[in-house]
C-alpha cells in the first residue's frame, strides 16, 4: 500500500484528507513542517501532500529542505492551497511540486490527482530502473570486450589505450613483461586444461604483486604485461620483478611439470625507453 504524508497545520483539513484517503493508502498526518522533516528521517513515503501556508515554516521552505536532501529529493510533492489564482499555481510548479490541490478538498479531484501522480512516479521509477539496467549492460559488454576471457585481465587493446593516455599526460611509467619459457610443452604433455590453469595462476600471482592503479594485461598465449603508473624507482621495479619470478617459479615447481618451464621478465621505463606503449613493448623485447 502506498504511503502518503499529509502536512497541514489545520487539524480539520487533516481529518478530511485522512477520511478521503485511508481506504486506498496508508496515511500519516502531521501539523508542521518540522514534524514532517522529523518523520521523514525514519520513514519512507511515496508522496507528500504539503500545505503552503503554515506558521514557523511554510510549505515552500519545507519543500526546499526536502529537495536538498539526497534521500528525499525525488519524493513527489503536491501542494495544498486555498489560493486558486494562476500566480500561486505557477509558483507551486516552479518550486518543483508535481501538482497542487485546492482547499477545501473535493474528494474525487483529490483522489484523481494523487492517483495520477503515483502512477507517473511508478512509471518514472520503472523507466529509471530500466535505464540503469541498460547502462550496466552496456558497461558490462564494454568491459568484457576489453578483457581476456580466460584470466579476466585486460586485453592488449585496452592496455595500450590506457598506457598511452597515462604517458601522454604524465610522461612517466613502466612496463613489466612476463612470459613463460617452454609453456607449449605443458599443453602438449598435460593438456590444455592444465595449460589454462597455469595461465590463470600467472594472472592471480600478478594481481598479488600489483597496485590498484596498475593495468594488468594478458597480451596473448603465455605473455603478460603490467603497466605501472606509480612513480617508483628502478630498484623497486627490480625487487617486484624478482618477487614475481620467485613466486611463479615456486608455484610451477609445485605443479611438478616435467617440462623445464621457467619464467622470464623484462622491464622498460618511460621516458628513458620510450614515451608510448609500443615503444616500451619493443624495448622489453
Protein backbone atom coordinates (compact mmCIF):
# COMPACT_ATOMS: atom_id res chain seq x y z
CA UNK A 1 0.00 0.00 0.00
CA UNK A 2 1.31 3.43 -0.92
CA UNK A 3 2.26 5.69 1.97
CA UNK A 4 1.18 9.35 1.90
CA UNK A 5 2.41 12.02 4.31
CA UNK A 6 -0.07 14.88 4.80
CA UNK A 7 1.31 18.11 6.26
CA UNK A 8 -1.22 20.78 7.33
CA UNK A 9 -1.49 22.92 10.46
CA UNK A 10 -5.30 22.73 10.27
CA UNK A 11 -6.50 19.60 12.05
CA UNK A 12 -9.86 19.76 10.28
CA UNK A 13 -8.09 19.58 6.92
CA UNK A 14 -6.00 16.67 8.15
CA UNK A 15 -9.09 14.79 9.29
CA UNK A 16 -10.77 15.46 5.95
CA UNK A 17 -7.76 14.24 3.98
CA UNK A 18 -7.44 11.14 6.15
CA UNK A 19 -11.11 10.23 5.71
CA UNK A 20 -10.81 10.50 1.94
CA UNK A 21 -7.52 8.62 1.57
CA UNK A 22 -7.33 5.89 4.23
CA UNK A 23 -9.39 3.42 2.22
CA UNK A 24 -6.76 3.47 -0.54
CA UNK A 25 -3.49 4.49 1.11
CA UNK A 26 -1.55 4.39 4.32
CA UNK A 27 -1.80 7.94 5.65
CA UNK A 28 0.41 9.76 8.16
CA UNK A 29 -0.73 13.24 9.20
CA UNK A 30 1.44 15.90 10.88
CA UNK A 31 0.73 19.53 11.69
CA UNK A 32 4.03 21.26 10.90
CA UNK A 33 6.98 21.27 8.56
CA UNK A 34 9.33 20.41 11.43
CA UNK A 35 7.25 17.32 12.27
CA UNK A 36 7.25 16.30 8.62
CA UNK A 37 11.05 16.52 8.33
CA UNK A 38 11.49 14.58 11.58
CA UNK A 39 9.10 11.88 10.36
CA UNK A 40 10.95 11.55 7.05
CA UNK A 41 14.21 10.87 8.88
CA UNK A 42 12.94 7.47 9.95
CA UNK A 43 10.28 6.59 7.39
CA UNK A 44 9.76 6.17 3.68
CA UNK A 45 6.78 7.74 1.94
CA UNK A 46 5.56 7.62 -1.65
CA UNK A 47 4.02 11.08 -1.81
CA UNK A 48 3.69 14.24 0.29
CA UNK A 49 0.62 16.48 0.47
CA UNK A 50 2.05 19.75 1.72
CA UNK A 51 0.15 22.81 2.87
CA UNK A 52 1.65 26.11 1.74
CA UNK A 53 0.51 28.47 4.49
CA UNK A 54 1.83 27.18 7.81
CA UNK A 55 3.37 29.06 10.75
CA UNK A 56 7.10 28.87 11.56
CA UNK A 57 7.94 27.06 8.31
CA UNK A 58 5.76 27.41 5.23
CA UNK A 59 5.34 24.78 2.54
CA UNK A 60 7.90 26.29 0.19
CA UNK A 61 10.53 26.27 2.94
CA UNK A 62 9.74 22.65 3.80
CA UNK A 63 9.98 21.69 0.15
CA UNK A 64 13.34 23.42 -0.18
CA UNK A 65 14.76 21.29 2.64
CA UNK A 66 13.30 18.12 1.12
CA UNK A 67 14.73 18.85 -2.30
CA UNK A 68 18.18 19.49 -0.82
CA UNK A 69 18.23 16.02 0.78
CA UNK A 70 19.75 13.24 -1.30
CA UNK A 71 17.41 10.79 0.44
CA UNK A 72 14.18 12.72 -0.09
CA UNK A 73 14.66 14.91 -3.15
CA UNK A 74 12.73 12.67 -5.56
CA UNK A 75 9.61 12.23 -3.39
CA UNK A 76 6.69 13.72 -5.37
CA UNK A 77 5.04 16.67 -3.62
CA UNK A 78 1.54 18.02 -4.17
CA UNK A 79 0.88 21.41 -2.61
CA UNK A 80 -2.33 22.09 -0.69
CA UNK A 81 -3.54 25.64 -1.04
CA UNK A 82 -6.64 27.77 -0.55
CA UNK A 83 -5.41 30.08 -3.31
CA UNK A 84 -6.56 29.10 -6.78
CA UNK A 85 -5.06 32.01 -8.69
CA UNK A 86 -2.65 31.44 -11.57
CA UNK A 87 0.24 33.09 -9.73
CA UNK A 88 0.06 30.57 -6.90
CA UNK A 89 -0.27 27.70 -9.36
CA UNK A 90 2.74 28.92 -11.31
CA UNK A 91 4.90 29.25 -8.21
CA UNK A 92 3.92 25.77 -6.98
CA UNK A 93 5.12 24.22 -10.20
CA UNK A 94 8.22 26.41 -10.43
CA UNK A 95 9.26 25.35 -6.93
CA UNK A 96 9.17 21.72 -8.01
CA UNK A 97 5.73 20.45 -6.99
CA UNK A 98 4.20 17.92 -9.36
CA UNK A 99 0.69 19.28 -8.80
CA UNK A 100 -1.49 21.24 -6.39
CA UNK A 101 -4.89 20.66 -4.80
CA UNK A 102 -7.21 23.49 -3.85
CA UNK A 103 -8.82 23.56 -0.41
CA UNK A 104 -11.47 22.74 0.63
CA UNK A 105 -10.86 19.32 -0.86
CA UNK A 106 -13.13 17.80 -3.47
CA UNK A 107 -12.69 14.06 -2.77
CA UNK A 108 -12.90 12.85 -6.37
CA UNK A 109 -10.49 15.54 -7.58
CA UNK A 110 -8.05 14.82 -4.74
CA UNK A 111 -8.06 11.07 -5.37
CA UNK A 112 -7.71 11.57 -9.12
CA UNK A 113 -4.70 13.88 -8.81
CA UNK A 114 -2.99 11.70 -6.23
CA UNK A 115 -3.64 8.54 -8.24
CA UNK A 116 -2.28 10.10 -11.41
CA UNK A 117 0.82 11.36 -9.62
CA UNK A 118 1.56 7.97 -8.08
CA UNK A 119 1.09 6.23 -11.44
CA UNK A 120 3.52 8.66 -13.08
CA UNK A 121 6.01 8.16 -10.24
CA UNK A 122 5.84 4.38 -10.64
CA UNK A 123 6.43 4.83 -14.37
CA UNK A 124 9.37 7.16 -13.70
CA UNK A 125 10.96 4.67 -11.31
CA UNK A 126 10.42 1.83 -13.75
CA UNK A 127 12.00 3.76 -16.61
CA UNK A 128 14.89 4.86 -14.39
CA UNK A 129 15.47 1.25 -13.35
CA UNK A 130 15.36 0.07 -16.97
CA UNK A 131 17.79 2.82 -17.99
CA UNK A 132 20.15 1.91 -15.16
CA UNK A 133 19.98 -1.75 -16.14
CA UNK A 134 20.68 -0.97 -19.78
CA UNK A 135 23.60 1.27 -18.86
CA UNK A 136 25.02 -1.51 -16.68
CA UNK A 137 24.59 -3.99 -19.53
CA UNK A 138 26.46 -1.64 -21.87
CA UNK A 139 29.19 -1.22 -19.26
CA UNK A 140 29.44 -4.98 -18.80
CA UNK A 141 29.63 -5.57 -22.55
CA UNK A 142 32.28 -2.91 -22.93
CA UNK A 143 34.24 -4.33 -20.01
CA UNK A 144 34.06 -7.87 -21.39
CA UNK A 145 35.20 -6.66 -24.79
CA UNK A 146 38.30 -5.22 -23.13
CA UNK A 147 39.08 -8.29 -21.04
CA UNK A 148 40.84 -11.55 -21.66
CA UNK A 149 38.18 -14.24 -21.42
CA UNK A 150 40.40 -16.80 -19.67
CA UNK A 151 42.14 -14.75 -17.00
CA UNK A 152 39.90 -11.71 -16.62
CA UNK A 153 42.87 -9.38 -17.14
CA UNK A 154 42.69 -6.53 -19.63
CA UNK A 155 43.49 -7.27 -23.25
CA UNK A 156 46.20 -5.58 -25.29
CA UNK A 157 43.97 -3.00 -27.00
CA UNK A 158 42.63 -1.68 -23.70
CA UNK A 159 46.03 -1.72 -22.01
CA UNK A 160 47.67 0.09 -24.90
CA UNK A 161 44.96 2.74 -24.81
CA UNK A 162 45.21 3.27 -21.05
CA UNK A 163 49.01 3.31 -21.07
CA UNK A 164 49.17 5.86 -23.88
CA UNK A 165 46.64 8.13 -22.17
CA UNK A 166 48.70 7.99 -18.99
CA UNK A 167 52.02 8.52 -20.76
CA UNK A 168 50.65 11.45 -22.75
CA UNK A 169 49.67 13.18 -19.53
CA UNK A 170 52.50 12.26 -17.15
CA UNK A 171 55.41 11.17 -19.40
CA UNK A 172 56.36 8.53 -16.80
CA UNK A 173 55.57 4.90 -16.14
CA UNK A 174 56.97 1.42 -16.57
CA UNK A 175 56.11 -1.74 -18.45
CA UNK A 176 56.86 -5.13 -16.95
CA UNK A 177 56.64 -8.06 -19.34
CA UNK A 178 56.30 -11.59 -18.02
CA UNK A 179 56.22 -14.77 -20.07
CA UNK A 180 56.77 -18.46 -19.51
CA UNK A 181 59.51 -20.33 -21.29
CA UNK A 182 58.51 -23.69 -22.73
CA UNK A 183 54.80 -23.20 -21.99
CA UNK A 184 53.84 -25.17 -25.11
CA UNK A 185 55.25 -28.30 -23.50
CA UNK A 186 52.67 -28.04 -20.71
CA UNK A 187 49.82 -28.02 -23.24
CA UNK A 188 51.42 -30.82 -25.26
CA UNK A 189 52.22 -33.08 -22.31
CA UNK A 190 49.43 -32.32 -19.83
CA UNK A 191 46.61 -30.93 -21.95
CA UNK A 192 45.04 -27.52 -22.46
CA UNK A 193 43.12 -27.64 -19.19
CA UNK A 194 46.41 -27.80 -17.31
CA UNK A 195 47.73 -25.01 -19.52
CA UNK A 196 44.69 -22.82 -18.83
CA UNK A 197 45.02 -23.46 -15.11
CA UNK A 198 48.64 -22.38 -15.27
CA UNK A 199 47.76 -19.16 -17.10
CA UNK A 200 45.11 -18.34 -14.51
CA UNK A 201 47.71 -18.92 -11.80
CA UNK A 202 50.00 -16.46 -13.57
CA UNK A 203 47.24 -13.85 -13.65
CA UNK A 204 46.38 -14.33 -9.97
CA UNK A 205 50.03 -14.06 -8.99
CA UNK A 206 50.46 -10.81 -10.91
CA UNK A 207 47.41 -9.41 -9.14
CA UNK A 208 49.01 -10.24 -5.80
CA UNK A 209 52.05 -8.12 -6.64
CA UNK A 210 50.24 -5.20 -8.26
CA UNK A 211 48.70 -1.96 -7.05
CA UNK A 212 45.18 -0.77 -7.78
CA UNK A 213 46.48 1.76 -10.31
CA UNK A 214 48.41 -0.83 -12.32
CA UNK A 215 46.99 -2.12 -15.60
CA UNK A 216 47.34 -5.90 -15.81
CA UNK A 217 47.16 -7.46 -19.23
CA UNK A 218 47.39 -10.79 -20.98
CA UNK A 219 48.89 -9.98 -24.36
CA UNK A 220 48.24 -13.49 -25.63
CA UNK A 221 49.44 -17.05 -25.10
CA UNK A 222 51.77 -17.09 -22.13
CA UNK A 223 52.71 -13.41 -22.41
CA UNK A 224 51.58 -10.91 -19.77
CA UNK A 225 52.38 -7.28 -19.09
CA UNK A 226 51.87 -4.94 -16.18
CA UNK A 227 51.78 -1.23 -16.89
CA UNK A 228 52.89 0.56 -13.73
CA UNK A 229 51.53 4.08 -13.22
CA UNK A 230 53.17 4.64 -9.86
CA UNK A 231 56.35 6.66 -9.90
CA UNK A 232 58.67 4.08 -8.36
CA UNK A 233 62.41 3.61 -8.54
CA UNK A 234 64.28 1.16 -10.75
CA UNK A 235 65.27 -0.76 -7.67
CA UNK A 236 61.68 -1.06 -6.55
CA UNK A 237 60.69 -2.33 -10.00
CA UNK A 238 63.55 -4.82 -9.95
CA UNK A 239 62.54 -6.02 -6.49
CA UNK A 240 58.97 -6.52 -7.59
CA UNK A 241 60.09 -8.42 -10.68
CA UNK A 242 62.33 -10.65 -8.56
CA UNK A 243 59.45 -11.41 -6.18
CA UNK A 244 57.15 -12.27 -9.09
CA UNK A 245 59.74 -14.60 -10.64
CA UNK A 246 60.39 -16.31 -7.32
CA UNK A 247 56.71 -16.86 -6.59
CA UNK A 248 55.84 -18.06 -10.11
CA UNK A 249 58.77 -20.47 -10.20
CA UNK A 250 57.80 -21.85 -6.79
CA UNK A 251 54.23 -22.45 -7.96
CA UNK A 252 55.40 -24.09 -11.18
CA UNK A 253 57.56 -26.45 -9.13
CA UNK A 254 54.52 -27.35 -7.04
CA UNK A 255 52.70 -28.41 -10.21
CA UNK A 256 55.55 -30.91 -10.81
CA UNK A 257 55.50 -30.42 -14.57
CA UNK A 258 58.35 -32.30 -16.22
CA UNK A 259 58.79 -29.64 -18.90
CA UNK A 260 61.61 -27.42 -17.61
CA UNK A 261 59.23 -24.45 -17.79
CA UNK A 262 60.54 -21.20 -16.35
CA UNK A 263 59.68 -17.50 -16.14
CA UNK A 264 61.25 -14.51 -17.90
CA UNK A 265 60.67 -10.87 -17.02
CA UNK A 266 61.72 -7.66 -18.73
CA UNK A 267 61.25 -4.03 -17.73
CA UNK A 268 61.05 -0.85 -19.80
CA UNK A 269 60.66 2.63 -18.33
CA UNK A 270 59.25 5.87 -19.65
CA UNK A 271 60.57 8.23 -20.78
CA UNK A 272 64.06 6.70 -20.99
CA UNK A 273 62.96 3.64 -23.02
CA UNK A 274 60.03 5.26 -24.81
CA UNK A 275 57.03 7.52 -24.42
CA UNK A 276 54.24 5.28 -25.70
CA UNK A 277 53.14 1.68 -25.25
CA UNK A 278 54.53 0.07 -28.40
CA UNK A 279 57.93 1.68 -27.94
CA UNK A 280 58.15 0.37 -24.38
CA UNK A 281 56.87 -3.03 -25.51
CA UNK A 282 59.52 -3.28 -28.21
CA UNK A 283 62.17 -2.08 -25.78
CA UNK A 284 61.44 -5.02 -23.49
CA UNK A 285 61.59 -7.44 -26.41
